Amino acid sequence: MVVTLDDTKRIAIGQKLADMKAMQELIISNEQKLIQACTDQDIRKRLQDMLNDDQKNMGVLDTVIVQYGVKADPHSSIQKIIEQGQKMMDDSELSLFEKTAQHELLKHAQVGSGLVVHKAAQVVGADVMAAIGPLNAVNFENRAHQEQLKGILEILGTRELTGQEPDQGLWGRVQDAVAALSGVVGSAVTQTSGMSDMTIGQIIRMDHTKARTLFAEIQGSNDPQKIQEFFGQLYKDLLAHAKAEEQVVYPAMRSYYNQTQDLYNEQAQQEQLLNQIKSMNPSAIDDFKAQVQRLMDMTNHHINQEENEMLPQLDANFSSEQQQRMATEFKSAKSKLQDEMAASTK
């Protein structure tokens, strides 16, 4: 039988994402304090733009964590870093230059964490890459912020040391550096625009894409350990997705889609089969994959019905703002369900 639904590599990535979220909260707090302390209107405007980006990126991180589906707490060391960062930002003996320099170091660390998650995802599985894809644009924006902060540091440092202004070509150099980054990353930013205010249809389709990827990973492997890992993630993803839909989406759709009860019934059958497969030994590869194929056929039928019938009715009857609110409720419900599943395995 499947001994565990958890995998140490996936838990480690989940913990790193939790670290990033905790650090993002500190970054936002720091920027609010730097804006309050700064009297230079141009620098304040640049810091405000960074803050707007970082508040948006907090929403992107929340989406990535829910789509990833493996909950974890931040490392204890991260809490120590956060406490030190808060003390430094509140230290009246430190200059604005020194506080901004510390903030740039936090941005650098956040970029490093994002890149590590991306590289680890490449090793662990295509489904992880699908879930954390929006993180690429967060990484890009943090790198762009680093270049902006370097420019701000040049200005603050020159003023602090000499009482004079640096050369006027500074922001041109910063803009060139950001443009060079954009050329490397490509369309990462435009791909992620709107990630923090996605509609429920977009979120559901993302879940469907990840489920299809996990099915393909299971069917493409003959390693029982990898099959167990992929199925463990699929099990948790499908259950959280189904129960969140039943709490948030299906009740809203009953008046507009007369096949809604069929969707409830299909998901009940899906849960039964999931639990049957969970009790099987993945080392009996042929039998295990045969049951996974049954589950995949059932899930694909359900996905096609939602995408071809239910979601068009949702688009026709709910405004973009209503769909965004539904997406927020759906992600919140999924997150709570993921927490409950994680707690039940401890």
Protein backbone atom coordinates (compact mmCIF):
# COMPACT_ATOMS: atom_id res chain seq x y z
CA MET A 1 0.00 0.00 0.00
CA VAL A 2 1.05 3.65 -0.32
CA VAL A 3 2.89 4.24 2.94
CA THR A 4 2.89 8.04 2.84
CA LEU A 5 1.50 10.85 0.74
CA ASP A 6 4.45 13.07 1.62
CA ASP A 7 7.79 13.40 -0.13
CA THR A 8 10.80 15.01 1.51
CA LYS A 9 11.83 16.91 -1.64
CA ARG A 10 8.36 18.40 -2.06
CA ILE A 11 8.20 19.30 1.63
CA ALA A 12 11.58 21.05 1.35
CA ILE A 13 10.33 23.14 -1.59
CA GLY A 14 7.16 23.93 0.36
CA GLN A 15 9.25 25.14 3.27
CA LYS A 16 11.34 27.36 1.00
CA LEU A 17 8.14 28.89 -0.41
CA ALA A 18 6.97 29.51 3.17
CA ASP A 19 10.33 31.20 3.85
CA MET A 20 9.79 33.44 0.82
CA LYS A 21 6.31 34.44 1.98
CA ALA A 22 7.61 35.36 5.45
CA MET A 23 10.44 37.37 3.89
CA GLN A 24 8.01 39.08 1.53
CA GLU A 25 6.06 40.33 4.53
CA LEU A 26 9.28 41.83 5.94
CA ILE A 27 10.15 43.40 2.58
CA ILE A 28 6.74 45.09 2.39
CA SER A 29 7.05 46.35 5.96
CA ASN A 30 10.55 47.70 5.27
CA GLU A 31 9.46 49.57 2.17
CA GLN A 32 6.61 51.22 4.05
CA LYS A 33 9.10 52.42 6.67
CA LEU A 34 11.65 53.60 4.10
CA ILE A 35 8.97 55.64 2.33
CA GLN A 36 8.01 57.30 5.61
CA ALA A 37 11.65 58.11 6.40
CA CYS A 38 12.57 59.47 2.95
CA THR A 39 12.04 63.14 2.01
CA ASP A 40 13.33 62.88 -1.59
CA GLN A 41 10.20 62.78 -3.75
CA ASP A 42 11.84 60.90 -6.64
CA ILE A 43 13.20 58.19 -4.34
CA ARG A 44 9.87 57.99 -2.51
CA LYS A 45 8.12 57.44 -5.86
CA ARG A 46 10.53 54.63 -6.76
CA LEU A 47 10.08 53.00 -3.36
CA GLN A 48 6.30 53.31 -3.68
CA ASP A 49 6.43 51.57 -7.07
CA MET A 50 8.47 48.76 -5.48
CA LEU A 51 5.95 48.50 -2.66
CA ASN A 52 3.09 48.23 -5.15
CA ASP A 53 4.97 45.45 -6.96
CA ASP A 54 5.73 43.64 -3.73
CA GLN A 55 2.14 43.79 -2.50
CA LYS A 56 1.05 42.32 -5.84
CA ASN A 57 3.78 39.68 -5.60
CA MET A 58 2.55 38.65 -2.17
CA GLY A 59 -0.67 37.66 -3.93
CA VAL A 60 1.35 35.78 -6.55
CA LEU A 61 3.23 33.91 -3.81
CA ASP A 62 -0.06 32.98 -2.13
CA THR A 63 -1.33 31.62 -5.46
CA VAL A 64 1.89 29.65 -6.05
CA ILE A 65 1.78 28.11 -2.56
CA VAL A 66 -1.85 27.01 -2.96
CA GLN A 67 -1.22 25.66 -6.48
CA TYR A 68 1.87 23.83 -5.26
CA GLY A 69 -0.25 22.10 -2.66
CA VAL A 70 2.41 21.21 -0.06
CA LYS A 71 2.08 23.29 3.08
CA ALA A 72 5.01 23.95 5.42
CA ASP A 73 6.15 26.42 8.05
CA PRO A 74 9.14 28.72 7.56
CA HIS A 75 12.52 27.64 8.96
CA SER A 76 13.16 28.89 12.51
CA SER A 77 16.24 30.68 11.14
CA ILE A 78 14.01 32.82 8.92
CA GLN A 79 12.14 34.13 11.95
CA LYS A 80 15.47 35.20 13.47
CA ILE A 81 16.40 37.02 10.26
CA ILE A 82 13.01 38.75 10.25
CA GLU A 83 13.38 39.85 13.88
CA GLN A 84 16.87 41.23 13.16
CA GLY A 85 15.59 42.99 10.04
CA GLN A 86 12.76 44.63 11.96
CA LYS A 87 15.16 45.84 14.67
CA MET A 88 17.56 47.32 12.11
CA MET A 89 14.77 49.15 10.30
CA ASP A 90 13.61 50.65 13.63
CA ASP A 91 17.13 51.54 14.81
CA SER A 92 17.35 55.34 15.03
CA GLU A 93 21.16 55.20 14.91
CA LEU A 94 21.18 53.78 11.37
CA SER A 95 21.01 56.21 8.45
CA LEU A 96 18.57 55.92 5.56
CA PHE A 97 21.50 54.76 3.42
CA GLU A 98 22.35 51.95 5.87
CA LYS A 99 18.74 50.82 6.14
CA THR A 100 18.33 50.83 2.35
CA ALA A 101 21.55 48.79 2.03
CA GLN A 102 20.11 46.16 4.38
CA HIS A 103 16.91 46.14 2.37
CA GLU A 104 18.86 45.52 -0.85
CA LEU A 105 20.46 42.48 0.84
CA LEU A 106 16.99 41.11 1.65
CA LYS A 107 15.99 41.54 -1.99
CA HIS A 108 19.15 39.67 -3.00
CA ALA A 109 18.28 36.81 -0.63
CA GLN A 110 14.71 36.68 -1.98
CA VAL A 111 16.00 36.40 -5.54
CA GLY A 112 18.31 33.57 -4.48
CA SER A 113 15.46 31.70 -2.81
CA GLY A 114 13.25 32.07 -5.88
CA LEU A 115 15.96 30.76 -8.19
CA VAL A 116 16.65 27.80 -5.88
CA VAL A 117 12.95 26.88 -5.88
CA HIS A 118 12.92 27.06 -9.69
CA LYS A 119 15.99 24.81 -10.02
CA ALA A 120 14.66 22.33 -7.44
CA ALA A 121 11.32 22.19 -9.28
CA GLN A 122 13.15 21.16 -12.46
CA VAL A 123 14.60 18.20 -10.57
CA VAL A 124 11.43 17.10 -8.78
CA GLY A 125 8.82 17.07 -11.54
CA ALA A 126 6.95 18.81 -14.33
CA ASP A 127 3.90 19.25 -12.07
CA VAL A 128 6.01 21.33 -9.68
CA MET A 129 7.19 23.48 -12.57
CA ALA A 130 3.56 24.02 -13.59
CA ALA A 131 2.62 25.11 -10.07
CA ILE A 132 5.52 27.48 -9.45
CA GLY A 133 5.69 29.01 -12.94
CA PRO A 134 4.43 32.46 -11.81
CA LEU A 135 7.42 32.68 -9.47
CA ASN A 136 9.63 33.48 -12.46
CA ALA A 137 8.13 36.95 -12.81
CA VAL A 138 8.48 37.58 -9.06
CA ASN A 139 12.18 36.69 -9.39
CA PHE A 140 12.53 39.11 -12.30
CA GLU A 141 10.86 41.98 -10.48
CA ASN A 142 13.04 41.41 -7.41
CA ARG A 143 16.14 41.57 -9.62
CA ALA A 144 14.84 44.76 -11.22
CA HIS A 145 14.25 46.17 -7.73
CA GLN A 146 17.85 45.36 -6.83
CA GLU A 147 19.04 47.55 -9.70
CA GLN A 148 16.74 50.35 -8.57
CA LEU A 149 18.00 50.03 -5.01
CA LYS A 150 21.61 50.20 -6.18
CA GLY A 151 20.79 53.51 -7.83
CA ILE A 152 19.09 54.78 -4.68
CA LEU A 153 22.14 53.71 -2.65
CA GLU A 154 24.45 55.64 -4.96
CA ILE A 155 22.41 58.80 -4.39
CA LEU A 156 22.02 58.38 -0.62
CA GLY A 157 25.63 57.33 -0.15
CA THR A 158 27.04 60.23 -2.19
CA ARG A 159 24.89 62.72 -0.29
CA GLU A 160 25.84 61.19 3.06
CA LEU A 161 29.59 61.29 2.31
CA THR A 162 29.89 64.54 0.33
CA GLY A 163 26.67 66.51 0.69
CA GLN A 164 26.51 66.62 -3.11
CA GLU A 165 24.59 64.85 -5.88
CA PRO A 166 25.98 61.95 -7.95
CA ASP A 167 26.33 62.22 -11.73
CA GLN A 168 23.09 62.62 -13.68
CA GLY A 169 23.54 59.47 -15.78
CA LEU A 170 22.75 57.18 -12.86
CA TRP A 171 19.13 56.36 -13.66
CA GLY A 172 20.00 55.78 -17.30
CA ARG A 173 22.45 53.09 -16.23
CA VAL A 174 19.83 51.58 -13.94
CA GLN A 175 17.30 51.51 -16.77
CA ASP A 176 19.83 49.84 -19.08
CA ALA A 177 20.49 47.18 -16.45
CA VAL A 178 16.76 46.49 -16.04
CA ALA A 179 16.34 46.32 -19.82
CA ALA A 180 19.18 43.79 -20.03
CA LEU A 181 17.44 41.68 -17.39
CA SER A 182 14.19 41.88 -19.34
CA GLY A 183 15.96 40.56 -22.43
CA VAL A 184 17.18 37.53 -20.48
CA VAL A 185 13.87 36.76 -18.80
CA GLY A 186 11.72 37.47 -21.84
CA SER A 187 8.00 37.87 -21.24
CA ALA A 188 8.00 36.67 -17.64
CA VAL A 189 6.46 39.87 -16.33
CA THR A 190 3.63 39.98 -18.86
CA GLN A 191 2.96 36.29 -18.27
CA THR A 192 2.36 37.01 -14.60
CA SER A 193 0.47 40.26 -14.89
CA GLY A 194 -2.88 39.70 -13.22
CA MET A 195 -1.72 36.61 -11.31
CA SER A 196 -2.75 38.20 -8.04
CA ASP A 197 -6.30 38.91 -9.32
CA MET A 198 -7.05 35.80 -11.36
CA THR A 199 -10.58 34.66 -12.07
CA ILE A 200 -11.99 31.40 -10.81
CA GLY A 201 -11.93 29.98 -14.34
CA GLN A 202 -8.20 30.62 -14.62
CA ILE A 203 -7.52 29.00 -11.25
CA ILE A 204 -9.62 25.92 -12.10
CA ARG A 205 -7.82 25.52 -15.43
CA MET A 206 -4.46 25.76 -13.66
CA ASP A 207 -5.55 22.95 -11.34
CA HIS A 208 -6.63 20.88 -14.33
CA THR A 209 -3.29 21.39 -16.08
CA LYS A 210 -1.40 20.26 -12.99
CA ALA A 211 -3.60 17.17 -12.60
CA ARG A 212 -3.01 16.19 -16.24
CA THR A 213 0.74 16.65 -15.69
CA LEU A 214 0.71 14.38 -12.64
CA PHE A 215 -1.21 11.68 -14.52
CA ALA A 216 1.38 11.83 -17.31
CA GLU A 217 4.21 11.59 -14.78
CA ILE A 218 2.68 8.50 -13.18
CA GLN A 219 2.04 6.77 -16.49
CA GLY A 220 5.51 7.68 -17.76
CA SER A 221 7.40 6.17 -14.82
CA ASN A 222 8.27 2.59 -13.89
CA ASP A 223 9.91 3.55 -10.60
CA PRO A 224 7.55 2.61 -7.71
CA GLN A 225 9.01 5.31 -5.48
CA LYS A 226 8.42 8.04 -8.09
CA ILE A 227 4.95 6.68 -8.84
CA GLN A 228 4.13 6.84 -5.13
CA GLU A 229 5.45 10.42 -4.96
CA PHE A 230 3.39 11.55 -7.96
CA PHE A 231 0.24 9.79 -6.79
CA GLY A 232 0.60 11.24 -3.29
CA GLN A 233 0.58 14.73 -4.78
CA LEU A 234 -2.27 13.90 -7.16
CA TYR A 235 -4.35 12.51 -4.29
CA LYS A 236 -3.98 15.70 -2.24
CA ASP A 237 -4.50 18.01 -5.22
CA LEU A 238 -7.65 16.33 -6.50
CA LEU A 239 -9.28 16.14 -3.06
CA ALA A 240 -8.53 19.78 -2.18
CA HIS A 241 -9.68 20.94 -5.62
CA ALA A 242 -12.92 18.95 -5.46
CA LYS A 243 -13.88 19.99 -1.94
CA ALA A 244 -13.10 23.66 -2.65
CA GLU A 245 -15.29 23.52 -5.76
CA GLU A 246 -18.09 21.96 -3.72
CA GLN A 247 -17.82 24.71 -1.12
CA VAL A 248 -17.44 27.72 -3.41
CA VAL A 249 -18.14 27.07 -7.10
CA TYR A 250 -20.91 24.49 -7.43
CA PRO A 251 -23.38 26.19 -5.05
CA ALA A 252 -23.01 29.41 -7.08
CA MET A 253 -23.52 27.53 -10.38
CA ARG A 254 -26.68 25.53 -9.53
CA SER A 255 -28.99 28.22 -10.87
CA TYR A 256 -27.05 28.58 -14.14
CA TYR A 257 -25.86 25.06 -14.97
CA ASN A 258 -28.39 22.24 -14.66
CA GLN A 259 -25.74 19.51 -14.69
CA THR A 260 -24.13 20.72 -11.46
CA GLN A 261 -25.33 17.69 -9.49
CA ASP A 262 -23.54 15.43 -11.98
CA LEU A 263 -20.30 17.19 -11.08
CA TYR A 264 -20.90 16.52 -7.38
CA ASN A 265 -21.61 12.85 -8.14
CA GLU A 266 -18.51 12.45 -10.32
CA GLN A 267 -16.29 13.88 -7.62
CA ALA A 268 -17.75 11.51 -5.03
CA GLN A 269 -16.89 8.60 -7.34
CA GLN A 270 -13.44 10.09 -7.90
CA GLU A 271 -12.79 10.24 -4.16
CA GLN A 272 -13.78 6.59 -3.75
CA LEU A 273 -11.36 5.53 -6.47
CA LEU A 274 -8.61 7.74 -5.06
CA ASN A 275 -8.90 5.99 -1.71
CA GLN A 276 -8.89 2.57 -3.38
CA ILE A 277 -5.67 3.40 -5.21
CA LYS A 278 -4.19 4.87 -2.03
CA SER A 279 -4.48 1.42 -0.40
CA MET A 280 -2.63 -0.31 -3.27
CA ASN A 281 1.07 -1.12 -3.50
CA PRO A 282 2.69 0.95 -6.31
CA SER A 283 5.30 -1.81 -6.69
CA ALA A 284 2.56 -3.82 -8.43
CA ILE A 285 3.04 -1.40 -11.29
CA ASP A 286 0.67 -2.86 -13.89
CA ASP A 287 -2.29 -3.13 -11.49
CA PHE A 288 -1.55 0.27 -9.96
CA LYS A 289 -1.32 1.99 -13.34
CA ALA A 290 -4.50 0.28 -14.53
CA GLN A 291 -6.42 1.86 -11.67
CA VAL A 292 -4.72 5.21 -12.24
CA GLN A 293 -5.84 4.97 -15.87
CA ARG A 294 -9.44 4.49 -14.67
CA LEU A 295 -9.04 7.56 -12.46
CA MET A 296 -7.51 9.53 -15.32
CA ASP A 297 -10.39 8.68 -17.66
CA MET A 298 -12.90 9.68 -14.99
CA THR A 299 -11.03 12.92 -14.23
CA ASN A 300 -10.60 13.87 -17.89
CA HIS A 301 -14.34 13.45 -18.47
CA HIS A 302 -15.00 15.66 -15.45
CA ILE A 303 -12.45 18.27 -16.61
CA ASN A 304 -13.92 18.39 -20.11
CA GLN A 305 -17.42 18.87 -18.73
CA GLU A 306 -16.27 21.73 -16.51
CA GLU A 307 -14.18 23.47 -19.17
CA ASN A 308 -16.58 22.99 -22.09
CA GLU A 309 -19.91 23.43 -20.30
CA MET A 310 -19.73 24.80 -16.75
CA LEU A 311 -17.05 27.48 -17.17
CA PRO A 312 -18.71 29.07 -20.24
CA GLN A 313 -21.91 29.37 -18.18
CA LEU A 314 -19.90 30.89 -15.36
CA ASP A 315 -18.39 33.45 -17.78
CA ALA A 316 -21.83 34.28 -19.11
CA ASN A 317 -23.42 34.89 -15.72
CA PHE A 318 -20.71 36.32 -13.47
CA SER A 319 -18.73 39.54 -13.91
CA SER A 320 -14.95 39.61 -13.87
CA GLU A 321 -15.02 41.11 -10.37
CA GLN A 322 -17.36 38.38 -9.13
CA GLN A 323 -15.10 35.72 -10.63
CA GLN A 324 -12.06 37.28 -8.96
CA ARG A 325 -13.85 37.22 -5.60
CA MET A 326 -14.82 33.60 -6.22
CA ALA A 327 -11.17 32.80 -7.01
CA THR A 328 -10.09 34.34 -3.72
CA GLU A 329 -12.70 32.30 -1.83
CA PHE A 330 -11.68 29.15 -3.72
CA LYS A 331 -7.97 29.62 -2.93
CA SER A 332 -8.81 30.29 0.72
CA ALA A 333 -10.92 27.12 0.90
CA LYS A 334 -8.18 25.09 -0.79
CA SER A 335 -5.55 26.47 1.53
CA LYS A 336 -7.61 25.54 4.59
CA LEU A 337 -8.20 22.03 3.24
CA GLN A 338 -4.48 21.63 2.52
CA ASP A 339 -3.72 22.68 6.11
CA GLU A 340 -6.20 20.10 7.41
CA MET A 341 -4.68 17.34 5.28
CA ALA A 342 -1.18 18.29 6.40
CA ALA A 343 -2.26 18.26 10.06
CA SER A 344 -3.89 14.85 9.69
CA THR A 345 -0.60 13.29 8.50
CA LYS A 346 1.48 14.59 11.43
